[in-house]
Structures are given as C-alpha cells and as structure tokens.
Amino acid sequence: MPGFLRDIIKFLTNYVIAYIPFYTIRYAWYRRVLGWHIGRKTTLMMGLFTQMAGLRREPSRRVFIGNHTVINYKCLLHVTGGVRIGDNVSISPGVWIISGKHDINDPENKSIYQSVVIEDYAWIGSRATILCGLTIGRGAVVMAGAVVTKDVPPFAVVGGVPARVIGERQLKDPSYELDYRPFMA
C-alpha cells in the first residue's frame, strides 16, 4: 500500500473514525479497513488511538479482541506487533498497550515488534502501560498507573513502576460477562 494512502487511513482512523459516536460505524472501519477481529458484545469506546505501521498484516500480527470486552475512553493501542485481548477483559480509561520498541543498542535504532496478550477476565486499571512482548494472565489485575515490564501470572494483582506482584485475586473461577455498551460511546 502506498505510504500516502496508509497515512490517510491512519489519520482517518485516529481523528475521524475514533470520534464517531455510533459504534457500528467505528467497528465496520476497524473490521473491514484495518482487518481487526472484534468479538460479540465487545465495546470500544470513542477516542481509541491506534498506532500502526501498516494494515492487514499476517495473522500473527493482527488485532484480536474477544467477546464481552470493554476498552474504555482514550486508550492507546500500538498494534504493529500484534495485540490479542481475550474475553471479558476490562480495560480502563487511558491505558496504553505497546507492541513495539526500538533497540537502543542498534546503530540504526531498529524497531522490534512483539505481540501483547491479555488473557480472559483480566482487568487493567486507568493509565496503566503494558509494554511489548508481554502476557497478562487470566484474571490478573493491573493497578492504575502501573507500568508492566514483565509477564503477569494468572490472578496476580500488580502495581507500581515497574509493576510488581502486590497481591492475588481471590476470584479464581470468574464467570461474569461484561455487558457495557452505551448507545453513544
């Protein structure tokens, strides 16, 4: 795809589509133009900023968002390395999910892309940052403002900068379904 067309699609995605108050229009764009998989009854709130290098990349680098997941207002998804989010995941406002970085020791400052995986029933607190190549385990909780630099075990509660395990979630067999879809969000 020519660079000019790619740049137009990025601009439209982040500054026009992301602010359309009707989710059906936004989802159609994310699915058909960007090639994302968005599960049933999943909510992507307005203001989602998407950082991407290209479109419709190979399957290992696609965006997959499961069923009944909520991605709240003003989140950033850096999707070039791939992002896989499971079912019933709650992502609070202002979260950054980063799937790329630069090799600081490479003379050409090469980019490195690695997928981010967030497993079912995880809960990511406001303004948390999840760095590339990491997995947030099933049912894990990332506290608000945490910077996650290592994998998070299932049902662990992590917080701080850098994030470290500070507790454990007692709910070991979650069965709830997130069902939050405001009419104009």
N, C-alpha and C. Protein backbone atom coordinates (compact mmCIF):
# COMPACT_ATOMS: atom_id res chain seq x y z
N MET A 1 0.85 -1.18 0.00
CA MET A 1 0.00 0.00 0.00
C MET A 1 0.90 1.24 0.00
N PRO A 2 0.62 2.18 -0.88
CA PRO A 2 1.43 3.40 -0.92
C PRO A 2 1.38 4.15 0.41
N GLY A 3 2.52 4.77 0.76
CA GLY A 3 2.63 5.48 2.03
C GLY A 3 1.58 6.56 2.21
N PHE A 4 1.25 7.27 1.14
CA PHE A 4 0.27 8.34 1.22
C PHE A 4 -1.10 7.80 1.64
N LEU A 5 -1.52 6.70 1.00
CA LEU A 5 -2.81 6.09 1.33
C LEU A 5 -2.81 5.55 2.76
N ARG A 6 -1.71 4.91 3.16
CA ARG A 6 -1.59 4.40 4.52
C ARG A 6 -1.72 5.54 5.53
N ASP A 7 -1.07 6.67 5.25
CA ASP A 7 -1.13 7.81 6.17
C ASP A 7 -2.54 8.40 6.25
N ILE A 8 -3.26 8.42 5.15
CA ILE A 8 -4.64 8.89 5.16
C ILE A 8 -5.51 7.97 6.03
N ILE A 9 -5.31 6.67 5.89
CA ILE A 9 -6.09 5.71 6.69
C ILE A 9 -5.78 5.87 8.17
N LYS A 10 -4.51 6.06 8.51
CA LYS A 10 -4.14 6.28 9.92
C LYS A 10 -4.80 7.55 10.45
N PHE A 11 -4.74 8.62 9.67
CA PHE A 11 -5.35 9.88 10.09
C PHE A 11 -6.85 9.71 10.31
N LEU A 12 -7.53 9.13 9.33
CA LEU A 12 -8.98 8.94 9.45
C LEU A 12 -9.32 8.06 10.65
N THR A 13 -8.54 7.00 10.87
CA THR A 13 -8.78 6.10 11.99
C THR A 13 -8.74 6.84 13.32
N ASN A 14 -7.72 7.68 13.51
CA ASN A 14 -7.47 8.29 14.81
C ASN A 14 -8.18 9.62 15.05
N TYR A 15 -8.50 10.35 13.99
CA TYR A 15 -9.04 11.70 14.19
C TYR A 15 -10.45 11.88 13.66
N VAL A 16 -10.97 10.89 12.96
CA VAL A 16 -12.35 10.96 12.48
C VAL A 16 -13.13 9.75 13.01
N ILE A 17 -12.75 8.56 12.59
CA ILE A 17 -13.49 7.34 12.95
C ILE A 17 -13.56 7.16 14.46
N ALA A 18 -12.46 7.38 15.17
CA ALA A 18 -12.42 7.16 16.63
C ALA A 18 -13.40 8.05 17.39
N TYR A 19 -13.90 9.09 16.75
CA TYR A 19 -14.81 10.02 17.43
C TYR A 19 -16.23 9.98 16.89
N ILE A 20 -16.53 9.04 16.04
CA ILE A 20 -17.91 8.86 15.59
C ILE A 20 -18.68 8.23 16.74
N PRO A 21 -19.79 8.84 17.16
CA PRO A 21 -20.46 8.37 18.37
C PRO A 21 -21.30 7.09 18.20
N PHE A 22 -21.28 6.49 17.03
CA PHE A 22 -22.05 5.27 16.79
C PHE A 22 -21.09 4.11 16.56
N TYR A 23 -21.10 3.15 17.48
CA TYR A 23 -20.12 2.08 17.44
C TYR A 23 -20.19 1.24 16.16
N THR A 24 -21.37 1.09 15.56
CA THR A 24 -21.46 0.25 14.36
C THR A 24 -20.59 0.80 13.22
N ILE A 25 -20.51 2.09 13.09
CA ILE A 25 -19.68 2.69 12.04
C ILE A 25 -18.20 2.48 12.37
N ARG A 26 -17.82 2.73 13.62
CA ARG A 26 -16.42 2.54 14.02
C ARG A 26 -16.00 1.08 13.83
N TYR A 27 -16.85 0.15 14.28
CA TYR A 27 -16.49 -1.27 14.19
C TYR A 27 -16.36 -1.71 12.74
N ALA A 28 -17.23 -1.22 11.89
CA ALA A 28 -17.13 -1.58 10.46
C ALA A 28 -15.77 -1.15 9.91
N TRP A 29 -15.31 0.04 10.28
CA TRP A 29 -14.00 0.52 9.84
C TRP A 29 -12.87 -0.37 10.38
N TYR A 30 -12.92 -0.63 11.71
CA TYR A 30 -11.87 -1.44 12.31
C TYR A 30 -11.81 -2.83 11.68
N ARG A 31 -12.96 -3.40 11.41
CA ARG A 31 -13.00 -4.75 10.84
C ARG A 31 -12.62 -4.78 9.37
N ARG A 32 -13.25 -3.92 8.59
CA ARG A 32 -13.09 -4.01 7.13
C ARG A 32 -11.84 -3.31 6.61
N VAL A 33 -11.50 -2.17 7.18
CA VAL A 33 -10.35 -1.42 6.69
C VAL A 33 -9.06 -1.88 7.39
N LEU A 34 -9.12 -2.02 8.72
CA LEU A 34 -7.93 -2.39 9.47
C LEU A 34 -7.73 -3.90 9.60
N GLY A 35 -8.79 -4.68 9.38
CA GLY A 35 -8.68 -6.13 9.45
C GLY A 35 -8.72 -6.71 10.85
N TRP A 36 -9.29 -5.98 11.81
CA TRP A 36 -9.35 -6.44 13.18
C TRP A 36 -10.47 -7.46 13.37
N HIS A 37 -10.28 -8.36 14.34
CA HIS A 37 -11.37 -9.22 14.80
C HIS A 37 -11.90 -8.60 16.09
N ILE A 38 -13.18 -8.32 16.13
CA ILE A 38 -13.83 -7.77 17.33
C ILE A 38 -14.97 -8.70 17.69
N GLY A 39 -14.91 -9.25 18.89
CA GLY A 39 -15.88 -10.25 19.33
C GLY A 39 -17.27 -9.69 19.61
N ARG A 40 -18.19 -10.61 19.89
CA ARG A 40 -19.58 -10.27 20.21
C ARG A 40 -19.65 -9.45 21.49
N LYS A 41 -20.53 -8.47 21.47
CA LYS A 41 -20.84 -7.62 22.63
C LYS A 41 -19.59 -6.99 23.25
N THR A 42 -18.61 -6.73 22.42
CA THR A 42 -17.41 -6.02 22.85
C THR A 42 -17.62 -4.54 22.63
N THR A 43 -17.08 -3.72 23.52
CA THR A 43 -17.23 -2.28 23.44
C THR A 43 -15.88 -1.62 23.31
N LEU A 44 -15.71 -0.84 22.25
CA LEU A 44 -14.53 0.00 22.07
C LEU A 44 -15.04 1.43 22.14
N MET A 45 -14.74 2.12 23.22
CA MET A 45 -15.26 3.46 23.43
C MET A 45 -14.59 4.46 22.48
N MET A 46 -15.21 5.63 22.36
CA MET A 46 -14.66 6.67 21.49
C MET A 46 -13.30 7.14 21.99
N GLY A 47 -12.51 7.64 21.06
CA GLY A 47 -11.22 8.20 21.42
C GLY A 47 -10.09 7.19 21.44
N LEU A 48 -10.31 5.99 20.94
CA LEU A 48 -9.26 4.98 20.87
C LEU A 48 -8.21 5.43 19.85
N PHE A 49 -6.96 5.57 20.28
CA PHE A 49 -5.89 5.97 19.37
C PHE A 49 -5.12 4.72 18.98
N THR A 50 -4.94 4.53 17.68
CA THR A 50 -4.29 3.34 17.17
C THR A 50 -2.98 3.72 16.50
N GLN A 51 -1.88 3.18 16.99
CA GLN A 51 -0.57 3.36 16.36
C GLN A 51 -0.29 2.11 15.56
N MET A 52 -0.05 2.27 14.26
CA MET A 52 0.17 1.10 13.40
C MET A 52 1.18 1.46 12.32
N ALA A 53 1.90 0.43 11.86
CA ALA A 53 2.85 0.64 10.77
C ALA A 53 2.21 0.36 9.43
N GLY A 54 1.27 -0.55 9.39
CA GLY A 54 0.62 -0.93 8.14
C GLY A 54 -0.73 -1.53 8.42
N LEU A 55 -1.34 -2.08 7.40
CA LEU A 55 -2.68 -2.62 7.52
C LEU A 55 -2.72 -4.08 7.12
N ARG A 56 -3.66 -4.82 7.71
CA ARG A 56 -3.93 -6.21 7.36
C ARG A 56 -2.66 -7.04 7.24
N ARG A 57 -1.89 -7.04 8.30
CA ARG A 57 -0.65 -7.79 8.32
C ARG A 57 -0.93 -9.28 8.48
N GLU A 58 0.12 -10.09 8.46
CA GLU A 58 -0.05 -11.53 8.60
C GLU A 58 -0.80 -11.85 9.90
N PRO A 59 -1.45 -13.01 9.97
CA PRO A 59 -2.32 -13.33 11.11
C PRO A 59 -1.65 -13.18 12.48
N SER A 60 -0.36 -13.46 12.61
CA SER A 60 0.28 -13.35 13.92
C SER A 60 0.37 -11.90 14.39
N ARG A 61 0.19 -10.95 13.49
CA ARG A 61 0.29 -9.54 13.86
C ARG A 61 -1.06 -8.84 13.83
N ARG A 62 -2.12 -9.56 13.70
CA ARG A 62 -3.44 -8.95 13.68
C ARG A 62 -3.90 -8.56 15.07
N VAL A 63 -4.96 -7.79 15.08
CA VAL A 63 -5.61 -7.43 16.34
C VAL A 63 -6.79 -8.37 16.54
N PHE A 64 -6.82 -9.02 17.68
CA PHE A 64 -7.92 -9.91 18.04
C PHE A 64 -8.44 -9.46 19.39
N ILE A 65 -9.73 -9.14 19.44
CA ILE A 65 -10.37 -8.73 20.69
C ILE A 65 -11.56 -9.66 20.89
N GLY A 66 -11.59 -10.34 22.02
CA GLY A 66 -12.60 -11.36 22.29
C GLY A 66 -13.98 -10.80 22.59
N ASN A 67 -14.84 -11.66 23.09
CA ASN A 67 -16.23 -11.33 23.40
C ASN A 67 -16.36 -10.62 24.75
N HIS A 68 -17.35 -9.73 24.84
CA HIS A 68 -17.71 -9.06 26.09
C HIS A 68 -16.53 -8.30 26.72
N THR A 69 -15.66 -7.77 25.90
CA THR A 69 -14.52 -7.00 26.39
C THR A 69 -14.84 -5.52 26.28
N VAL A 70 -14.34 -4.72 27.21
CA VAL A 70 -14.56 -3.28 27.18
C VAL A 70 -13.20 -2.58 27.15
N ILE A 71 -13.00 -1.77 26.11
CA ILE A 71 -11.82 -0.90 26.03
C ILE A 71 -12.36 0.52 26.15
N ASN A 72 -12.01 1.17 27.24
CA ASN A 72 -12.60 2.43 27.63
C ASN A 72 -12.04 3.61 26.85
N TYR A 73 -12.50 4.82 27.21
CA TYR A 73 -12.12 6.06 26.55
C TYR A 73 -10.61 6.31 26.57
N LYS A 74 -10.12 6.93 25.51
CA LYS A 74 -8.77 7.49 25.43
C LYS A 74 -7.66 6.48 25.66
N CYS A 75 -7.83 5.26 25.21
CA CYS A 75 -6.77 4.27 25.29
C CYS A 75 -5.90 4.34 24.04
N LEU A 76 -4.67 3.86 24.14
CA LEU A 76 -3.77 3.78 23.00
C LEU A 76 -3.45 2.32 22.75
N LEU A 77 -3.67 1.88 21.51
CA LEU A 77 -3.28 0.53 21.10
C LEU A 77 -2.19 0.67 20.04
N HIS A 78 -0.98 0.26 20.38
CA HIS A 78 0.10 0.18 19.40
C HIS A 78 0.04 -1.25 18.89
N VAL A 79 -0.45 -1.43 17.67
CA VAL A 79 -0.82 -2.76 17.18
C VAL A 79 0.14 -3.37 16.18
N THR A 80 1.25 -2.72 15.87
CA THR A 80 2.14 -3.20 14.83
C THR A 80 2.68 -4.60 15.14
N GLY A 81 2.97 -4.88 16.39
CA GLY A 81 3.47 -6.19 16.78
C GLY A 81 2.39 -7.21 17.06
N GLY A 82 1.15 -6.78 17.03
CA GLY A 82 0.02 -7.66 17.31
C GLY A 82 -0.50 -7.47 18.73
N VAL A 83 -1.80 -7.50 18.86
CA VAL A 83 -2.45 -7.39 20.17
C VAL A 83 -3.57 -8.43 20.20
N ARG A 84 -3.56 -9.24 21.23
CA ARG A 84 -4.60 -10.26 21.41
C ARG A 84 -5.20 -10.07 22.80
N ILE A 85 -6.47 -9.74 22.82
CA ILE A 85 -7.19 -9.49 24.07
C ILE A 85 -8.31 -10.51 24.18
N GLY A 86 -8.40 -11.17 25.30
CA GLY A 86 -9.37 -12.25 25.48
C GLY A 86 -10.78 -11.78 25.75
N ASP A 87 -11.58 -12.69 26.29
CA ASP A 87 -12.98 -12.44 26.60
C ASP A 87 -13.10 -11.79 27.99
N ASN A 88 -14.11 -10.92 28.14
CA ASN A 88 -14.45 -10.31 29.43
C ASN A 88 -13.27 -9.59 30.07
N VAL A 89 -12.51 -8.91 29.24
CA VAL A 89 -11.38 -8.10 29.72
C VAL A 89 -11.88 -6.67 29.90
N SER A 90 -11.54 -6.07 31.03
CA SER A 90 -11.91 -4.69 31.30
C SER A 90 -10.66 -3.82 31.22
N ILE A 91 -10.63 -2.92 30.26
CA ILE A 91 -9.51 -2.01 30.08
C ILE A 91 -10.02 -0.60 30.38
N SER A 92 -9.50 -0.01 31.44
CA SER A 92 -9.97 1.27 31.96
C SER A 92 -9.47 2.44 31.10
N PRO A 93 -9.99 3.64 31.35
CA PRO A 93 -9.60 4.80 30.54
C PRO A 93 -8.10 5.09 30.59
N GLY A 94 -7.57 5.50 29.44
CA GLY A 94 -6.20 5.97 29.35
C GLY A 94 -5.12 4.91 29.35
N VAL A 95 -5.46 3.65 29.18
CA VAL A 95 -4.46 2.57 29.17
C VAL A 95 -3.67 2.62 27.86
N TRP A 96 -2.37 2.36 27.94
CA TRP A 96 -1.51 2.24 26.76
C TRP A 96 -1.04 0.79 26.65
N ILE A 97 -1.27 0.20 25.48
CA ILE A 97 -0.79 -1.15 25.18
C ILE A 97 0.18 -1.00 24.01
N ILE A 98 1.46 -1.30 24.25
CA ILE A 98 2.53 -1.00 23.31
C ILE A 98 3.13 -2.30 22.79
N SER A 99 3.06 -2.54 21.47
CA SER A 99 3.60 -3.78 20.90
C SER A 99 4.90 -3.56 20.11
N GLY A 100 5.55 -2.44 20.33
CA GLY A 100 6.81 -2.19 19.64
C GLY A 100 7.76 -1.37 20.48
N LYS A 101 9.02 -1.45 20.12
CA LYS A 101 10.06 -0.67 20.79
C LYS A 101 11.23 -0.54 19.83
N HIS A 102 12.24 0.18 20.24
CA HIS A 102 13.45 0.32 19.44
C HIS A 102 14.61 -0.33 20.18
N ASP A 103 15.52 -0.92 19.43
CA ASP A 103 16.73 -1.49 20.01
C ASP A 103 17.69 -0.35 20.29
N ILE A 104 17.84 0.02 21.55
CA ILE A 104 18.65 1.19 21.91
C ILE A 104 20.14 0.98 21.67
N ASN A 105 20.56 -0.27 21.44
CA ASN A 105 21.97 -0.55 21.19
C ASN A 105 22.26 -0.78 19.70
N ASP A 106 21.27 -0.69 18.87
CA ASP A 106 21.46 -0.86 17.44
C ASP A 106 21.82 0.49 16.82
N PRO A 107 22.88 0.55 16.02
CA PRO A 107 23.29 1.84 15.44
C PRO A 107 22.23 2.43 14.51
N GLU A 108 21.32 1.61 14.01
CA GLU A 108 20.25 2.10 13.15
C GLU A 108 18.94 2.28 13.89
N ASN A 109 18.95 2.05 15.21
CA ASN A 109 17.75 2.22 16.04
C ASN A 109 16.58 1.38 15.51
N LYS A 110 16.87 0.13 15.17
CA LYS A 110 15.86 -0.74 14.57
C LYS A 110 14.66 -0.95 15.49
N SER A 111 13.52 -1.11 14.84
CA SER A 111 12.27 -1.38 15.56
C SER A 111 12.16 -2.87 15.86
N ILE A 112 11.60 -3.16 17.01
CA ILE A 112 11.32 -4.54 17.42
C ILE A 112 9.83 -4.60 17.74
N TYR A 113 9.14 -5.56 17.12
CA TYR A 113 7.70 -5.71 17.35
C TYR A 113 7.43 -7.06 17.97
N GLN A 114 6.69 -7.06 19.08
CA GLN A 114 6.33 -8.28 19.77
C GLN A 114 4.89 -8.16 20.26
N SER A 115 4.16 -9.23 20.10
CA SER A 115 2.74 -9.23 20.45
C SER A 115 2.51 -9.06 21.95
N VAL A 116 1.40 -8.41 22.27
CA VAL A 116 0.93 -8.29 23.65
C VAL A 116 -0.31 -9.18 23.76
N VAL A 117 -0.36 -9.98 24.80
CA VAL A 117 -1.51 -10.87 25.04
C VAL A 117 -2.11 -10.54 26.39
N ILE A 118 -3.41 -10.31 26.40
CA ILE A 118 -4.15 -10.09 27.64
C ILE A 118 -5.22 -11.17 27.70
N GLU A 119 -5.09 -12.07 28.66
CA GLU A 119 -5.98 -13.23 28.72
C GLU A 119 -7.32 -12.89 29.35
N ASP A 120 -8.27 -13.83 29.24
CA ASP A 120 -9.64 -13.67 29.70
C ASP A 120 -9.71 -13.16 31.15
N TYR A 121 -10.71 -12.31 31.40
CA TYR A 121 -11.07 -11.80 32.73
C TYR A 121 -10.01 -10.91 33.38
N ALA A 122 -9.01 -10.49 32.62
CA ALA A 122 -8.03 -9.55 33.18
C ALA A 122 -8.69 -8.18 33.35
N TRP A 123 -8.14 -7.39 34.23
CA TRP A 123 -8.65 -6.05 34.50
C TRP A 123 -7.45 -5.12 34.52
N ILE A 124 -7.45 -4.15 33.63
CA ILE A 124 -6.34 -3.21 33.51
C ILE A 124 -6.82 -1.85 34.01
N GLY A 125 -6.18 -1.32 35.06
CA GLY A 125 -6.59 -0.06 35.68
C GLY A 125 -6.20 1.15 34.85
N SER A 126 -6.83 2.28 35.15
CA SER A 126 -6.63 3.53 34.41
C SER A 126 -5.16 3.91 34.32
N ARG A 127 -4.80 4.36 33.14
CA ARG A 127 -3.46 4.88 32.83
C ARG A 127 -2.33 3.90 33.05
N ALA A 128 -2.64 2.62 33.07
CA ALA A 128 -1.58 1.61 33.13
C ALA A 128 -0.92 1.52 31.75
N THR A 129 0.32 1.07 31.73
CA THR A 129 1.05 0.86 30.48
C THR A 129 1.55 -0.57 30.44
N ILE A 130 1.29 -1.25 29.32
CA ILE A 130 1.74 -2.62 29.14
C ILE A 130 2.71 -2.62 27.96
N LEU A 131 3.94 -3.04 28.20
CA LEU A 131 4.98 -2.99 27.17
C LEU A 131 4.99 -4.24 26.30
N CYS A 132 5.71 -4.17 25.20
CA CYS A 132 5.66 -5.21 24.16
C CYS A 132 6.21 -6.55 24.62
N GLY A 133 5.65 -7.59 24.00
CA GLY A 133 6.10 -8.95 24.24
C GLY A 133 5.61 -9.57 25.52
N LEU A 134 4.64 -8.96 26.17
CA LEU A 134 4.20 -9.44 27.49
C LEU A 134 2.85 -10.13 27.43
N THR A 135 2.61 -10.96 28.43
CA THR A 135 1.33 -11.63 28.61
C THR A 135 0.78 -11.25 29.99
N ILE A 136 -0.46 -10.81 30.00
CA ILE A 136 -1.19 -10.56 31.25
C ILE A 136 -2.08 -11.79 31.44
N GLY A 137 -1.84 -12.54 32.50
CA GLY A 137 -2.51 -13.83 32.70
C GLY A 137 -4.00 -13.71 32.98
N ARG A 138 -4.67 -14.82 32.84
CA ARG A 138 -6.11 -14.92 33.09
C ARG A 138 -6.45 -14.38 34.48
N GLY A 139 -7.44 -13.49 34.52
CA GLY A 139 -7.94 -12.98 35.78
C GLY A 139 -7.00 -12.03 36.51
N ALA A 140 -5.87 -11.68 35.92
CA ALA A 140 -4.92 -10.79 36.58
C ALA A 140 -5.47 -9.37 36.65
N VAL A 141 -4.98 -8.60 37.62
CA VAL A 141 -5.38 -7.21 37.79
C VAL A 141 -4.11 -6.35 37.73
N VAL A 142 -4.12 -5.37 36.83
CA VAL A 142 -3.03 -4.39 36.75
C VAL A 142 -3.58 -3.11 37.35
N MET A 143 -2.99 -2.66 38.43
CA MET A 143 -3.48 -1.48 39.15
C MET A 143 -3.28 -0.21 38.31
N ALA A 144 -4.05 0.80 38.61
CA ALA A 144 -3.98 2.08 37.91
C ALA A 144 -2.57 2.65 37.98
N GLY A 145 -2.09 3.14 36.84
CA GLY A 145 -0.79 3.79 36.76
C GLY A 145 0.40 2.86 36.71
N ALA A 146 0.19 1.56 36.77
CA ALA A 146 1.30 0.61 36.75
C ALA A 146 1.97 0.59 35.37
N VAL A 147 3.26 0.32 35.37
CA VAL A 147 4.00 0.11 34.12
C VAL A 147 4.47 -1.33 34.13
N VAL A 148 3.87 -2.15 33.26
CA VAL A 148 4.14 -3.59 33.25
C VAL A 148 5.32 -3.86 32.32
N THR A 149 6.40 -4.40 32.91
CA THR A 149 7.62 -4.69 32.16
C THR A 149 7.93 -6.18 32.10
N LYS A 150 7.13 -7.00 32.81
CA LYS A 150 7.30 -8.45 32.83
C LYS A 150 5.93 -9.11 32.74
N ASP A 151 5.90 -10.37 32.31
CA ASP A 151 4.65 -11.11 32.27
C ASP A 151 3.98 -11.09 33.65
N VAL A 152 2.66 -11.08 33.64
CA VAL A 152 1.89 -11.09 34.88
C VAL A 152 1.22 -12.46 35.01
N PRO A 153 1.46 -13.19 36.10
CA PRO A 153 0.86 -14.51 36.26
C PRO A 153 -0.67 -14.44 36.39
N PRO A 154 -1.35 -15.53 36.09
CA PRO A 154 -2.80 -15.56 36.26
C PRO A 154 -3.19 -15.19 37.69
N PHE A 155 -4.23 -14.38 37.81
CA PHE A 155 -4.85 -13.96 39.07
C PHE A 155 -3.95 -13.12 39.98
N ALA A 156 -2.79 -12.72 39.48
CA ALA A 156 -1.92 -11.84 40.27
C ALA A 156 -2.47 -10.42 40.22
N VAL A 157 -2.22 -9.65 41.27
CA VAL A 157 -2.51 -8.23 41.30
C VAL A 157 -1.16 -7.53 41.30
N VAL A 158 -0.94 -6.68 40.28
CA VAL A 158 0.34 -5.99 40.17
C VAL A 158 0.13 -4.49 40.19
N GLY A 159 1.14 -3.78 40.70
CA GLY A 159 1.08 -2.33 40.74
C GLY A 159 2.47 -1.75 40.86
N GLY A 160 2.59 -0.46 40.56
CA GLY A 160 3.86 0.24 40.72
C GLY A 160 4.59 0.45 39.42
N VAL A 161 5.75 1.11 39.55
CA VAL A 161 6.61 1.41 38.40
C VAL A 161 8.02 1.00 38.77
N PRO A 162 8.55 -0.08 38.20
CA PRO A 162 7.85 -1.04 37.36
C PRO A 162 6.90 -1.90 38.19
N ALA A 163 5.92 -2.46 37.53
CA ALA A 163 4.90 -3.24 38.23
C ALA A 163 5.51 -4.48 38.88
N ARG A 164 5.03 -4.77 40.08
CA ARG A 164 5.43 -5.99 40.78
C ARG A 164 4.19 -6.58 41.43
N VAL A 165 4.24 -7.86 41.73
CA VAL A 165 3.10 -8.54 42.35
C VAL A 165 2.93 -7.99 43.76
N ILE A 166 1.70 -7.52 44.05
CA ILE A 166 1.40 -6.99 45.38
C ILE A 166 0.25 -7.74 46.05
N GLY A 167 -0.32 -8.69 45.33
CA GLY A 167 -1.42 -9.46 45.90
C GLY A 167 -1.90 -10.51 44.92
N GLU A 168 -3.00 -11.13 45.31
CA GLU A 168 -3.58 -12.17 44.46
C GLU A 168 -5.10 -12.00 44.45
N ARG A 169 -5.68 -12.14 43.29
CA ARG A 169 -7.13 -12.06 43.16
C ARG A 169 -7.75 -13.33 43.74
N GLN A 170 -8.75 -13.17 44.58
CA GLN A 170 -9.36 -14.31 45.24
C GLN A 170 -10.36 -15.04 44.33
N LEU A 171 -10.95 -14.32 43.39
CA LEU A 171 -11.91 -14.93 42.46
C LEU A 171 -11.14 -15.78 41.46
N LYS A 172 -11.19 -17.09 41.62
CA LYS A 172 -10.39 -18.00 40.78
C LYS A 172 -11.18 -18.61 39.63
N ASP A 173 -12.50 -18.51 39.67
CA ASP A 173 -13.30 -19.10 38.61
C ASP A 173 -14.33 -18.09 38.13
N PRO A 174 -13.87 -16.98 37.53
CA PRO A 174 -14.84 -15.96 37.09
C PRO A 174 -15.76 -16.49 36.00
N SER A 175 -17.00 -16.06 36.07
CA SER A 175 -17.97 -16.49 35.06
C SER A 175 -18.83 -15.34 34.57
N TYR A 176 -18.53 -14.12 35.04
CA TYR A 176 -19.33 -12.96 34.64
C TYR A 176 -19.09 -12.63 33.16
N GLU A 177 -20.04 -11.90 32.61
CA GLU A 177 -19.89 -11.36 31.25
C GLU A 177 -20.03 -9.86 31.33
N LEU A 178 -19.04 -9.16 30.82
CA LEU A 178 -19.13 -7.70 30.78
C LEU A 178 -20.14 -7.34 29.71
N ASP A 179 -21.07 -6.50 30.06
CA ASP A 179 -22.13 -6.12 29.12
C ASP A 179 -22.34 -4.62 29.24
N TYR A 180 -21.41 -3.85 28.70
CA TYR A 180 -21.46 -2.40 28.79
C TYR A 180 -21.33 -1.82 27.39
N ARG A 181 -22.43 -1.31 26.88
CA ARG A 181 -22.40 -0.70 25.57
C ARG A 181 -23.37 0.47 25.54
N PRO A 182 -22.91 1.66 25.95
CA PRO A 182 -23.78 2.82 25.88
C PRO A 182 -24.14 3.11 24.42
N PHE A 183 -25.31 3.70 24.22
CA PHE A 183 -25.78 3.99 22.86
C PHE A 183 -24.78 4.85 22.09
N MET A 184 -24.31 5.92 22.71
CA MET A 184 -23.35 6.80 22.04
C MET A 184 -22.06 6.82 22.85
N ALA A 185 -21.16 5.93 22.52
CA ALA A 185 -19.91 5.83 23.28
C ALA A 185 -18.78 5.66 22.33
